[in-house]
Amino acid sequence: TGYLQMNSLKPEDTAVYYCAAVSRPGPYSDF
């Protein structure tokens, strides 16, 4: 299980949030 604790939320945080995983290293910020 992974978690994302979100505090001090702002209206601009509104979105659909997706979790993702990969079994090898790579550019972590690239979907």
PDB file of all heavy atoms in Angstrom:
ATOM      1  N   THR A   1       0.826  -1.195   0.000  1.00  0.00           N
ATOM      2  CA  THR A   1       0.000   0.000   0.000  1.00  0.00           C
ATOM      3  C   THR A   1       0.864   1.249   0.000  1.00  0.00           C
ATOM      4  O   THR A   1       1.828   1.348   0.763  1.00  0.00           O
ATOM      5  CB  THR A   1      -0.940   0.025   1.213  1.00  0.00           C
ATOM      6  OG1 THR A   1      -1.757  -1.154   1.205  1.00  0.00           O
ATOM      7  CG2 THR A   1      -1.848   1.242   1.162  1.00  0.00           C
ATOM      8  N   GLY A   2       0.505   2.189  -0.838  1.00  0.00           N
ATOM      9  CA  GLY A   2       1.130   3.491  -0.854  1.00  0.00           C
ATOM     10  C   GLY A   2       0.165   4.538  -0.351  1.00  0.00           C
ATOM     11  O   GLY A   2      -1.057   4.351  -0.384  1.00  0.00           O
ATOM     12  N   TYR A   3       0.720   5.649   0.113  1.00  0.00           N
ATOM     13  CA  TYR A   3      -0.097   6.703   0.697  1.00  0.00           C
ATOM     14  C   TYR A   3       0.366   8.059   0.204  1.00  0.00           C
ATOM     15  O   TYR A   3       1.542   8.274  -0.087  1.00  0.00           O
ATOM     16  CB  TYR A   3      -0.012   6.690   2.224  1.00  0.00           C
ATOM     17  CG  TYR A   3      -0.358   5.376   2.859  1.00  0.00           C
ATOM     18  CD1 TYR A   3       0.638   4.466   3.208  1.00  0.00           C
ATOM     19  CD2 TYR A   3      -1.679   5.034   3.115  1.00  0.00           C
ATOM     20  CE1 TYR A   3       0.323   3.257   3.795  1.00  0.00           C
ATOM     21  CE2 TYR A   3      -2.003   3.826   3.697  1.00  0.00           C
ATOM     22  CZ  TYR A   3      -0.997   2.940   4.036  1.00  0.00           C
ATOM     23  OH  TYR A   3      -1.316   1.736   4.617  1.00  0.00           O
ATOM     24  N   LEU A   4      -0.575   8.958   0.143  1.00  0.00           N
ATOM     25  CA  LEU A   4      -0.276  10.357  -0.092  1.00  0.00           C
ATOM     26  C   LEU A   4      -1.068  11.169   0.920  1.00  0.00           C
ATOM     27  O   LEU A   4      -2.288  11.298   0.802  1.00  0.00           O
ATOM     28  CB  LEU A   4      -0.631  10.781  -1.518  1.00  0.00           C
ATOM     29  CG  LEU A   4      -0.262  12.217  -1.875  1.00  0.00           C
ATOM     30  CD1 LEU A   4       1.259  12.378  -1.924  1.00  0.00           C
ATOM     31  CD2 LEU A   4      -0.885  12.627  -3.206  1.00  0.00           C
ATOM     32  N   GLN A   5      -0.371  11.678   1.916  1.00  0.00           N
ATOM     33  CA  GLN A   5      -0.983  12.536   2.910  1.00  0.00           C
ATOM     34  C   GLN A   5      -0.977  13.959   2.382  1.00  0.00           C
ATOM     35  O   GLN A   5       0.084  14.499   2.068  1.00  0.00           O
ATOM     36  CB  GLN A   5      -0.228  12.454   4.236  1.00  0.00           C
ATOM     37  CG  GLN A   5      -0.770  13.364   5.325  1.00  0.00           C
ATOM     38  CD  GLN A   5      -2.133  12.943   5.809  1.00  0.00           C
ATOM     39  OE1 GLN A   5      -2.365  11.770   6.043  1.00  0.00           O
ATOM     40  NE2 GLN A   5      -3.038  13.897   5.946  1.00  0.00           N
ATOM     41  N   MET A   6      -2.138  14.563   2.306  1.00  0.00           N
ATOM     42  CA  MET A   6      -2.285  15.895   1.746  1.00  0.00           C
ATOM     43  C   MET A   6      -2.832  16.820   2.819  1.00  0.00           C
ATOM     44  O   MET A   6      -3.963  16.649   3.284  1.00  0.00           O
ATOM     45  CB  MET A   6      -3.205  15.881   0.528  1.00  0.00           C
ATOM     46  CG  MET A   6      -2.770  14.891  -0.549  1.00  0.00           C
ATOM     47  SD  MET A   6      -3.771  15.013  -2.056  1.00  0.00           S
ATOM     48  CE  MET A   6      -5.368  14.510  -1.416  1.00  0.00           C
ATOM     49  N   ASN A   7      -2.031  17.784   3.206  1.00  0.00           N
ATOM     50  CA  ASN A   7      -2.421  18.769   4.196  1.00  0.00           C
ATOM     51  C   ASN A   7      -2.490  20.149   3.558  1.00  0.00           C
ATOM     52  O   ASN A   7      -1.942  20.383   2.485  1.00  0.00           O
ATOM     53  CB  ASN A   7      -1.426  18.790   5.358  1.00  0.00           C
ATOM     54  CG  ASN A   7      -1.347  17.482   6.097  1.00  0.00           C
ATOM     55  OD1 ASN A   7      -2.343  16.768   6.246  1.00  0.00           O
ATOM     56  ND2 ASN A   7      -0.156  17.147   6.589  1.00  0.00           N
ATOM     57  N   SER A   8      -3.142  21.052   4.256  1.00  0.00           N
ATOM     58  CA  SER A   8      -3.259  22.436   3.792  1.00  0.00           C
ATOM     59  C   SER A   8      -3.720  22.500   2.345  1.00  0.00           C
ATOM     60  O   SER A   8      -3.147  23.205   1.509  1.00  0.00           O
ATOM     61  CB  SER A   8      -1.921  23.165   3.965  1.00  0.00           C
ATOM     62  OG  SER A   8      -1.509  23.159   5.312  1.00  0.00           O
ATOM     63  N   LEU A   9      -4.759  21.770   2.050  1.00  0.00           N
ATOM     64  CA  LEU A   9      -5.227  21.674   0.681  1.00  0.00           C
ATOM     65  C   LEU A   9      -5.742  23.009   0.169  1.00  0.00           C
ATOM     66  O   LEU A   9      -6.324  23.804   0.915  1.00  0.00           O
ATOM     67  CB  LEU A   9      -6.311  20.609   0.573  1.00  0.00           C
ATOM     68  CG  LEU A   9      -5.778  19.177   0.577  1.00  0.00           C
ATOM     69  CD1 LEU A   9      -6.888  18.191   0.907  1.00  0.00           C
ATOM     70  CD2 LEU A   9      -5.154  18.840  -0.774  1.00  0.00           C
ATOM     71  N   LYS A  10      -5.525  23.218  -1.111  1.00  0.00           N
ATOM     72  CA  LYS A  10      -5.920  24.435  -1.792  1.00  0.00           C
ATOM     73  C   LYS A  10      -6.863  24.099  -2.939  1.00  0.00           C
ATOM     74  O   LYS A  10      -6.822  22.992  -3.477  1.00  0.00           O
ATOM     75  CB  LYS A  10      -4.687  25.158  -2.352  1.00  0.00           C
ATOM     76  CG  LYS A  10      -3.622  25.486  -1.322  1.00  0.00           C
ATOM     77  CD  LYS A  10      -2.396  26.096  -1.986  1.00  0.00           C
ATOM     78  CE  LYS A  10      -1.323  26.417  -0.969  1.00  0.00           C
ATOM     79  NZ  LYS A  10      -0.119  27.000  -1.617  1.00  0.00           N
ATOM     80  N   PRO A  11      -7.699  25.036  -3.337  1.00  0.00           N
ATOM     81  CA  PRO A  11      -8.582  24.764  -4.469  1.00  0.00           C
ATOM     82  C   PRO A  11      -7.842  24.305  -5.720  1.00  0.00           C
ATOM     83  O   PRO A  11      -8.377  23.486  -6.476  1.00  0.00           O
ATOM     84  CB  PRO A  11      -9.287  26.103  -4.692  1.00  0.00           C
ATOM     85  CG  PRO A  11      -9.307  26.725  -3.342  1.00  0.00           C
ATOM     86  CD  PRO A  11      -8.001  26.334  -2.714  1.00  0.00           C
ATOM     87  N   GLU A  12      -6.648  24.799  -5.932  1.00  0.00           N
ATOM     88  CA  GLU A  12      -5.887  24.396  -7.101  1.00  0.00           C
ATOM     89  C   GLU A  12      -5.387  22.959  -7.031  1.00  0.00           C
ATOM     90  O   GLU A  12      -4.842  22.447  -8.021  1.00  0.00           O
ATOM     91  CB  GLU A  12      -4.709  25.348  -7.354  1.00  0.00           C
ATOM     92  CG  GLU A  12      -3.845  25.589  -6.127  1.00  0.00           C
ATOM     93  CD  GLU A  12      -4.213  26.863  -5.398  1.00  0.00           C
ATOM     94  OE1 GLU A  12      -5.419  27.122  -5.214  1.00  0.00           O
ATOM     95  OE2 GLU A  12      -3.284  27.613  -5.016  1.00  0.00           O
ATOM     96  N   ASP A  13      -5.551  22.302  -5.890  1.00  0.00           N
ATOM     97  CA  ASP A  13      -5.242  20.883  -5.784  1.00  0.00           C
ATOM     98  C   ASP A  13      -6.361  20.005  -6.330  1.00  0.00           C
ATOM     99  O   ASP A  13      -6.192  18.788  -6.425  1.00  0.00           O
ATOM    100  CB  ASP A  13      -4.970  20.491  -4.330  1.00  0.00           C
ATOM    101  CG  ASP A  13      -3.726  21.146  -3.758  1.00  0.00           C
ATOM    102  OD1 ASP A  13      -2.707  21.216  -4.479  1.00  0.00           O
ATOM    103  OD2 ASP A  13      -3.773  21.584  -2.599  1.00  0.00           O
ATOM    104  N   THR A  14      -7.484  20.596  -6.645  1.00  0.00           N
ATOM    105  CA  THR A  14      -8.607  19.843  -7.172  1.00  0.00           C
ATOM    106  C   THR A  14      -8.215  19.129  -8.461  1.00  0.00           C
ATOM    107  O   THR A  14      -7.724  19.751  -9.404  1.00  0.00           O
ATOM    108  CB  THR A  14      -9.797  20.767  -7.425  1.00  0.00           C
ATOM    109  OG1 THR A  14     -10.267  21.289  -6.179  1.00  0.00           O
ATOM    110  CG2 THR A  14     -10.938  20.019  -8.105  1.00  0.00           C
ATOM    111  N   ALA A  15      -8.422  17.829  -8.481  1.00  0.00           N
ATOM    112  CA  ALA A  15      -8.049  17.022  -9.637  1.00  0.00           C
ATOM    113  C   ALA A  15      -8.466  15.589  -9.378  1.00  0.00           C
ATOM    114  O   ALA A  15      -8.857  15.222  -8.270  1.00  0.00           O
ATOM    115  CB  ALA A  15      -6.534  17.084  -9.885  1.00  0.00           C
ATOM    116  N   VAL A  16      -8.360  14.781 -10.408  1.00  0.00           N
ATOM    117  CA  VAL A  16      -8.408  13.346 -10.249  1.00  0.00           C
ATOM    118  C   VAL A  16      -6.982  12.873  -9.987  1.00  0.00           C
ATOM    119  O   VAL A  16      -6.078  13.158 -10.774  1.00  0.00           O
ATOM    120  CB  VAL A  16      -8.993  12.640 -11.483  1.00  0.00           C
ATOM    121  CG1 VAL A  16      -8.945  11.123 -11.304  1.00  0.00           C
ATOM    122  CG2 VAL A  16     -10.422  13.103 -11.729  1.00  0.00           C
ATOM    123  N   TYR A  17      -6.789  12.175  -8.897  1.00  0.00           N
ATOM    124  CA  TYR A  17      -5.475  11.703  -8.513  1.00  0.00           C
ATOM    125  C   TYR A  17      -5.313  10.234  -8.866  1.00  0.00           C
ATOM    126  O   TYR A  17      -6.190   9.411  -8.584  1.00  0.00           O
ATOM    127  CB  TYR A  17      -5.253  11.897  -7.016  1.00  0.00           C
ATOM    128  CG  TYR A  17      -4.936  13.325  -6.647  1.00  0.00           C
ATOM    129  CD1 TYR A  17      -5.930  14.302  -6.702  1.00  0.00           C
ATOM    130  CD2 TYR A  17      -3.656  13.703  -6.261  1.00  0.00           C
ATOM    131  CE1 TYR A  17      -5.645  15.617  -6.392  1.00  0.00           C
ATOM    132  CE2 TYR A  17      -3.362  15.017  -5.942  1.00  0.00           C
ATOM    133  CZ  TYR A  17      -4.363  15.970  -6.006  1.00  0.00           C
ATOM    134  OH  TYR A  17      -4.076  17.278  -5.689  1.00  0.00           O
ATOM    135  N   TYR A  18      -4.190   9.914  -9.472  1.00  0.00           N
ATOM    136  CA  TYR A  18      -3.879   8.564  -9.896  1.00  0.00           C
ATOM    137  C   TYR A  18      -2.606   8.086  -9.224  1.00  0.00           C
ATOM    138  O   TYR A  18      -1.622   8.823  -9.154  1.00  0.00           O
ATOM    139  CB  TYR A  18      -3.660   8.495 -11.411  1.00  0.00           C
ATOM    140  CG  TYR A  18      -4.836   8.919 -12.243  1.00  0.00           C
ATOM    141  CD1 TYR A  18      -5.009  10.247 -12.608  1.00  0.00           C
ATOM    142  CD2 TYR A  18      -5.762   7.979 -12.685  1.00  0.00           C
ATOM    143  CE1 TYR A  18      -6.086  10.638 -13.383  1.00  0.00           C
ATOM    144  CE2 TYR A  18      -6.834   8.360 -13.462  1.00  0.00           C
ATOM    145  CZ  TYR A  18      -6.991   9.693 -13.809  1.00  0.00           C
ATOM    146  OH  TYR A  18      -8.054  10.065 -14.585  1.00  0.00           O
ATOM    147  N   CYS A  19      -2.612   6.854  -8.746  1.00  0.00           N
ATOM    148  CA  CYS A  19      -1.360   6.247  -8.332  1.00  0.00           C
ATOM    149  C   CYS A  19      -0.828   5.401  -9.471  1.00  0.00           C
ATOM    150  O   CYS A  19      -1.584   4.909 -10.317  1.00  0.00           O
ATOM    151  CB  CYS A  19      -1.510   5.419  -7.052  1.00  0.00           C
ATOM    152  SG  CYS A  19      -2.543   3.952  -7.179  1.00  0.00           S
ATOM    153  N   ALA A  20       0.465   5.259  -9.498  1.00  0.00           N
ATOM    154  CA  ALA A  20       1.133   4.523 -10.557  1.00  0.00           C
ATOM    155  C   ALA A  20       2.347   3.814  -9.980  1.00  0.00           C
ATOM    156  O   ALA A  20       2.877   4.202  -8.938  1.00  0.00           O
ATOM    157  CB  ALA A  20       1.552   5.472 -11.686  1.00  0.00           C
ATOM    158  N   ALA A  21       2.790   2.786 -10.672  1.00  0.00           N
ATOM    159  CA  ALA A  21       3.935   2.018 -10.205  1.00  0.00           C
ATOM    160  C   ALA A  21       4.700   1.462 -11.388  1.00  0.00           C
ATOM    161  O   ALA A  21       4.157   1.270 -12.479  1.00  0.00           O
ATOM    162  CB  ALA A  21       3.487   0.881  -9.285  1.00  0.00           C
ATOM    163  N   VAL A  22       5.973   1.202 -11.140  1.00  0.00           N
ATOM    164  CA  VAL A  22       6.836   0.620 -12.152  1.00  0.00           C
ATOM    165  C   VAL A  22       7.874  -0.241 -11.454  1.00  0.00           C
ATOM    166  O   VAL A  22       8.270   0.034 -10.311  1.00  0.00           O
ATOM    167  CB  VAL A  22       7.497   1.718 -13.013  1.00  0.00           C
ATOM    168  CG1 VAL A  22       8.458   2.565 -12.190  1.00  0.00           C
ATOM    169  CG2 VAL A  22       8.175   1.133 -14.227  1.00  0.00           C
ATOM    170  N   SER A  23       8.311  -1.286 -12.114  1.00  0.00           N
ATOM    171  CA  SER A  23       9.229  -2.243 -11.514  1.00  0.00           C
ATOM    172  C   SER A  23      10.692  -1.973 -11.839  1.00  0.00           C
ATOM    173  O   SER A  23      11.549  -2.808 -11.550  1.00  0.00           O
ATOM    174  CB  SER A  23       8.868  -3.666 -11.959  1.00  0.00           C
ATOM    175  OG  SER A  23       8.928  -3.791 -13.370  1.00  0.00           O
ATOM    176  N   ARG A  24      10.988  -0.837 -12.389  1.00  0.00           N
ATOM    177  CA  ARG A  24      12.351  -0.480 -12.752  1.00  0.00           C
ATOM    178  C   ARG A  24      12.547   1.009 -12.534  1.00  0.00           C
ATOM    179  O   ARG A  24      11.583   1.778 -12.567  1.00  0.00           O
ATOM    180  CB  ARG A  24      12.628  -0.828 -14.208  1.00  0.00           C
ATOM    181  CG  ARG A  24      11.765  -0.049 -15.167  1.00  0.00           C
ATOM    182  CD  ARG A  24      11.887  -0.539 -16.583  1.00  0.00           C
ATOM    183  NE  ARG A  24      11.094   0.284 -17.490  1.00  0.00           N
ATOM    184  CZ  ARG A  24       9.799   0.112 -17.705  1.00  0.00           C
ATOM    185  NH1 ARG A  24       9.144  -0.864 -17.085  1.00  0.00           N
ATOM    186  NH2 ARG A  24       9.156   0.906 -18.552  1.00  0.00           N
ATOM    187  N   PRO A  25      13.776   1.438 -12.336  1.00  0.00           N
ATOM    188  CA  PRO A  25      14.003   2.878 -12.186  1.00  0.00           C
ATOM    189  C   PRO A  25      13.833   3.595 -13.510  1.00  0.00           C
ATOM    190  O   PRO A  25      13.977   3.015 -14.591  1.00  0.00           O
ATOM    191  CB  PRO A  25      15.455   2.954 -11.687  1.00  0.00           C
ATOM    192  CG  PRO A  25      16.092   1.697 -12.184  1.00  0.00           C
ATOM    193  CD  PRO A  25      15.013   0.652 -12.142  1.00  0.00           C
ATOM    194  N   GLY A  26      13.544   4.850 -13.425  1.00  0.00           N
ATOM    195  CA  GLY A  26      13.355   5.679 -14.589  1.00  0.00           C
ATOM    196  C   GLY A  26      13.034   7.100 -14.175  1.00  0.00           C
ATOM    197  O   GLY A  26      13.066   7.440 -12.996  1.00  0.00           O
ATOM    198  N   PRO A  27      12.736   7.954 -15.147  1.00  0.00           N
ATOM    199  CA  PRO A  27      12.375   9.337 -14.816  1.00  0.00           C
ATOM    200  C   PRO A  27      11.072   9.377 -14.027  1.00  0.00           C
ATOM    201  O   PRO A  27       9.985   9.231 -14.589  1.00  0.00           O
ATOM    202  CB  PRO A  27      12.243  10.000 -16.185  1.00  0.00           C
ATOM    203  CG  PRO A  27      12.981   9.104 -17.137  1.00  0.00           C
ATOM    204  CD  PRO A  27      12.808   7.727 -16.595  1.00  0.00           C
ATOM    205  N   TYR A  28      11.181   9.606 -12.757  1.00  0.00           N
ATOM    206  CA  TYR A  28      10.045   9.455 -11.851  1.00  0.00           C
ATOM    207  C   TYR A  28       8.934  10.455 -12.099  1.00  0.00           C
ATOM    208  O   TYR A  28       7.782  10.205 -11.737  1.00  0.00           O
ATOM    209  CB  TYR A  28      10.511   9.564 -10.400  1.00  0.00           C
ATOM    210  CG  TYR A  28      11.230  10.855 -10.092  1.00  0.00           C
ATOM    211  CD1 TYR A  28      10.530  12.005  -9.775  1.00  0.00           C
ATOM    212  CD2 TYR A  28      12.621  10.912 -10.126  1.00  0.00           C
ATOM    213  CE1 TYR A  28      11.189  13.194  -9.506  1.00  0.00           C
ATOM    214  CE2 TYR A  28      13.284  12.099  -9.855  1.00  0.00           C
ATOM    215  CZ  TYR A  28      12.565  13.236  -9.553  1.00  0.00           C
ATOM    216  OH  TYR A  28      13.216  14.416  -9.285  1.00  0.00           O
ATOM    217  N   SER A  29       9.257  11.590 -12.688  1.00  0.00           N
ATOM    218  CA  SER A  29       8.253  12.620 -12.899  1.00  0.00           C
ATOM    219  C   SER A  29       7.549  12.510 -14.249  1.00  0.00           C
ATOM    220  O   SER A  29       6.663  13.313 -14.533  1.00  0.00           O
ATOM    221  CB  SER A  29       8.890  14.008 -12.774  1.00  0.00           C
ATOM    222  OG  SER A  29       9.881  14.218 -13.769  1.00  0.00           O
ATOM    223  N   ASP A  30       7.917  11.546 -15.037  1.00  0.00           N
ATOM    224  CA  ASP A  30       7.356  11.358 -16.369  1.00  0.00           C
ATOM    225  C   ASP A  30       6.337  10.227 -16.318  1.00  0.00           C
ATOM    226  O   ASP A  30       6.682   9.092 -15.994  1.00  0.00           O
ATOM    227  CB  ASP A  30       8.468  11.036 -17.358  1.00  0.00           C
ATOM    228  CG  ASP A  30       8.004  11.039 -18.799  1.00  0.00           C
ATOM    229  OD1 ASP A  30       6.785  10.977 -19.054  1.00  0.00           O
ATOM    230  OD2 ASP A  30       8.868  11.092 -19.687  1.00  0.00           O
ATOM    231  N   PHE A  31       5.098  10.527 -16.644  1.00  0.00           N
ATOM    232  CA  PHE A  31       4.060   9.497 -16.580  1.00  0.00           C
ATOM    233  C   PHE A  31       4.352   8.335 -17.511  1.00  0.00           C
ATOM    234  O   PHE A  31       3.883   7.215 -17.263  1.00  0.00           O
ATOM    235  CB  PHE A  31       2.686  10.099 -16.892  1.00  0.00           C
ATOM    236  CG  PHE A  31       2.473  10.447 -18.333  1.00  0.00           C
ATOM    237  CD1 PHE A  31       1.931   9.527 -19.210  1.00  0.00           C
ATOM    238  CD2 PHE A  31       2.810  11.697 -18.814  1.00  0.00           C
ATOM    239  CE1 PHE A  31       1.724   9.842 -20.543  1.00  0.00           C
ATOM    240  CE2 PHE A  31       2.603  12.028 -20.140  1.00  0.00           C
ATOM    241  CZ  PHE A  31       2.072  11.096 -21.005  1.00  0.00           C
TER     242      PHE A  31
END
